[in-house]
Amino acid sequence: MNIRNKAFLLIPAFWASIFDIAVTIYHQPATYWSGNLKHYNEGNPIGAFFMSNHVYGLFLICGIWLVLIYIIGKSLKGKAQKIFLLFVVIAHSFGASTWISSRYGFWFAMLLIAFNSSLYIFINENSQTPTKIAH
């Protein structure tokens, strides 16, 4: 299978980001959602800043981040693009793993990281432009 659309390269980064965001939202304490902004639970200082200022701050910063992933991911080419998208996958795999390992155990976190890594490799290997054979 050869994926010709380079937008497919963004899938692993979007998947890892959205999964991390979903786990973060799901595991916020009820008191946070009730309006006690001091009860936010977020390790990323940028996300923590937004969450400590408004109950929907997390949604705002996540929306901005997803747009930035798209813009940066589509703007970069070659190795720079792969490095950026791999960074996003690793960073969000780590972020989600902190929620997963503390609540569901080490092996579920490892499964998540293995899945995200495999997805990144699969998409990258199947989005290469076929090499033309010189005659």
Protein backbone atom coordinates (compact mmCIF):
# COMPACT_ATOMS: atom_id res chain seq x y z
CA MET A 1 0.00 0.00 0.00
CA ASN A 2 1.46 3.34 -1.01
CA ILE A 3 -0.18 6.47 0.34
CA ARG A 4 0.28 9.31 -2.15
CA ASN A 5 -1.38 12.05 -0.09
CA LYS A 6 1.26 13.61 2.17
CA ALA A 7 -1.50 14.76 4.55
CA PHE A 8 -1.55 11.17 5.81
CA LEU A 9 1.82 11.87 7.45
CA LEU A 10 -0.07 14.05 9.94
CA ILE A 11 -2.31 11.21 11.17
CA PRO A 12 0.02 9.80 13.88
CA ALA A 13 0.65 13.28 15.32
CA PHE A 14 -3.06 14.13 15.33
CA TRP A 15 -3.96 10.74 16.82
CA ALA A 16 -1.40 11.01 19.65
CA SER A 17 -2.43 14.60 20.38
CA ILE A 18 -6.16 13.92 20.40
CA PHE A 19 -5.74 10.81 22.55
CA ASP A 20 -3.64 12.77 25.07
CA ILE A 21 -6.19 15.61 25.08
CA ALA A 22 -9.10 13.19 25.59
CA VAL A 23 -7.39 11.42 28.49
CA THR A 24 -6.53 14.77 30.06
CA ILE A 25 -10.14 15.97 29.80
CA TYR A 26 -11.56 12.68 31.08
CA HIS A 27 -9.36 12.59 34.18
CA GLN A 28 -9.93 16.13 35.39
CA PRO A 29 -11.59 16.16 38.81
CA ALA A 30 -15.29 17.04 38.99
CA THR A 31 -14.41 20.06 41.11
CA TYR A 32 -12.45 21.50 38.20
CA TRP A 33 -15.43 21.17 35.85
CA SER A 34 -17.61 22.75 38.56
CA GLY A 35 -15.51 25.89 38.31
CA ASN A 36 -12.76 25.47 40.90
CA LEU A 37 -9.89 26.28 38.56
CA LYS A 38 -7.28 25.56 41.24
CA HIS A 39 -8.12 21.86 40.89
CA TYR A 40 -6.79 21.50 37.35
CA ASN A 41 -4.47 18.54 36.80
CA GLU A 42 -2.03 19.17 33.96
CA GLY A 43 1.73 18.71 33.68
CA ASN A 44 2.25 20.92 30.63
CA PRO A 45 2.83 24.49 31.91
CA ILE A 46 1.14 26.04 28.86
CA GLY A 47 -1.94 23.86 29.26
CA ALA A 48 -1.90 24.45 33.02
CA PHE A 49 -1.87 28.23 32.48
CA PHE A 50 -4.91 28.09 30.21
CA MET A 51 -6.73 25.66 32.51
CA SER A 52 -6.08 27.80 35.58
CA ASN A 53 -7.64 30.83 33.89
CA HIS A 54 -10.84 29.37 32.42
CA VAL A 55 -12.65 26.05 32.63
CA TYR A 56 -12.61 25.86 28.82
CA GLY A 57 -8.99 27.02 28.53
CA LEU A 58 -7.83 23.50 27.74
CA PHE A 59 -10.14 23.37 24.73
CA LEU A 60 -8.83 26.70 23.46
CA ILE A 61 -5.14 25.81 23.69
CA CYS A 62 -5.76 22.33 22.24
CA GLY A 63 -7.60 23.80 19.26
CA ILE A 64 -4.73 26.22 18.66
CA TRP A 65 -2.19 23.39 19.00
CA LEU A 66 -4.01 21.12 16.53
CA VAL A 67 -4.09 23.94 13.98
CA LEU A 68 -0.36 24.56 14.55
CA ILE A 69 0.39 20.86 14.04
CA TYR A 70 -1.39 21.06 10.69
CA ILE A 71 0.30 24.29 9.59
CA ILE A 72 3.80 23.33 10.71
CA GLY A 73 3.42 19.71 9.60
CA LYS A 74 2.33 20.76 6.10
CA SER A 75 4.91 23.57 5.82
CA LEU A 76 7.98 21.53 6.68
CA LYS A 77 9.44 19.12 4.15
CA GLY A 78 11.66 16.05 4.29
CA LYS A 79 13.56 15.32 7.49
CA ALA A 80 12.39 18.49 9.24
CA GLN A 81 8.77 17.42 8.76
CA LYS A 82 9.45 13.89 9.99
CA ILE A 83 11.34 15.16 13.05
CA PHE A 84 8.57 17.61 13.97
CA LEU A 85 5.80 15.02 13.56
CA LEU A 86 7.82 12.41 15.48
CA PHE A 87 8.36 14.96 18.26
CA VAL A 88 4.59 15.49 18.48
CA VAL A 89 3.98 11.73 18.63
CA ILE A 90 6.62 11.23 21.34
CA ALA A 91 5.53 14.24 23.42
CA HIS A 92 1.85 13.27 23.41
CA SER A 93 2.61 9.58 23.93
CA PHE A 94 4.55 10.63 27.03
CA GLY A 95 1.76 12.96 28.17
CA ALA A 96 -0.94 10.32 27.78
CA SER A 97 1.28 7.66 29.36
CA THR A 98 1.42 9.65 32.61
CA TRP A 99 -2.36 9.36 32.87
CA ILE A 100 -2.48 5.75 31.68
CA SER A 101 0.33 4.28 33.80
CA SER A 102 -0.86 5.81 37.06
CA ARG A 103 -4.44 4.63 36.57
CA TYR A 104 -4.34 1.52 34.40
CA GLY A 105 -0.78 0.28 34.81
CA PHE A 106 2.59 0.27 33.15
CA TRP A 107 1.74 -2.22 30.39
CA PHE A 108 -1.19 -0.20 29.07
CA ALA A 109 1.13 2.80 28.78
CA MET A 110 3.65 0.63 26.91
CA LEU A 111 0.91 -0.62 24.57
CA LEU A 112 -0.05 2.97 23.80
CA ILE A 113 3.56 3.92 23.05
CA ALA A 114 4.06 0.79 20.91
CA PHE A 115 0.86 1.53 18.98
CA ASN A 116 1.78 5.18 18.40
CA SER A 117 5.32 4.24 17.31
CA SER A 118 4.04 1.56 14.95
CA LEU A 119 1.46 3.91 13.46
CA TYR A 120 4.15 6.54 12.82
CA ILE A 121 6.44 4.02 11.09
CA PHE A 122 3.61 2.43 9.09
CA ILE A 123 2.36 5.78 7.78
CA ASN A 124 5.89 7.00 6.98
CA GLU A 125 6.90 3.82 5.17
CA ASN A 126 3.71 3.80 3.12
CA SER A 127 3.81 7.45 2.12
CA GLN A 128 7.16 7.35 0.35
CA THR A 129 7.24 8.34 -3.29
CA PRO A 130 8.14 5.24 -5.31
CA THR A 131 11.68 5.33 -6.65
CA LYS A 132 11.80 5.60 -10.43
CA ILE A 133 14.06 3.09 -12.12
CA ALA A 134 16.34 4.67 -14.72
CA HIS A 135 16.47 2.91 -18.09
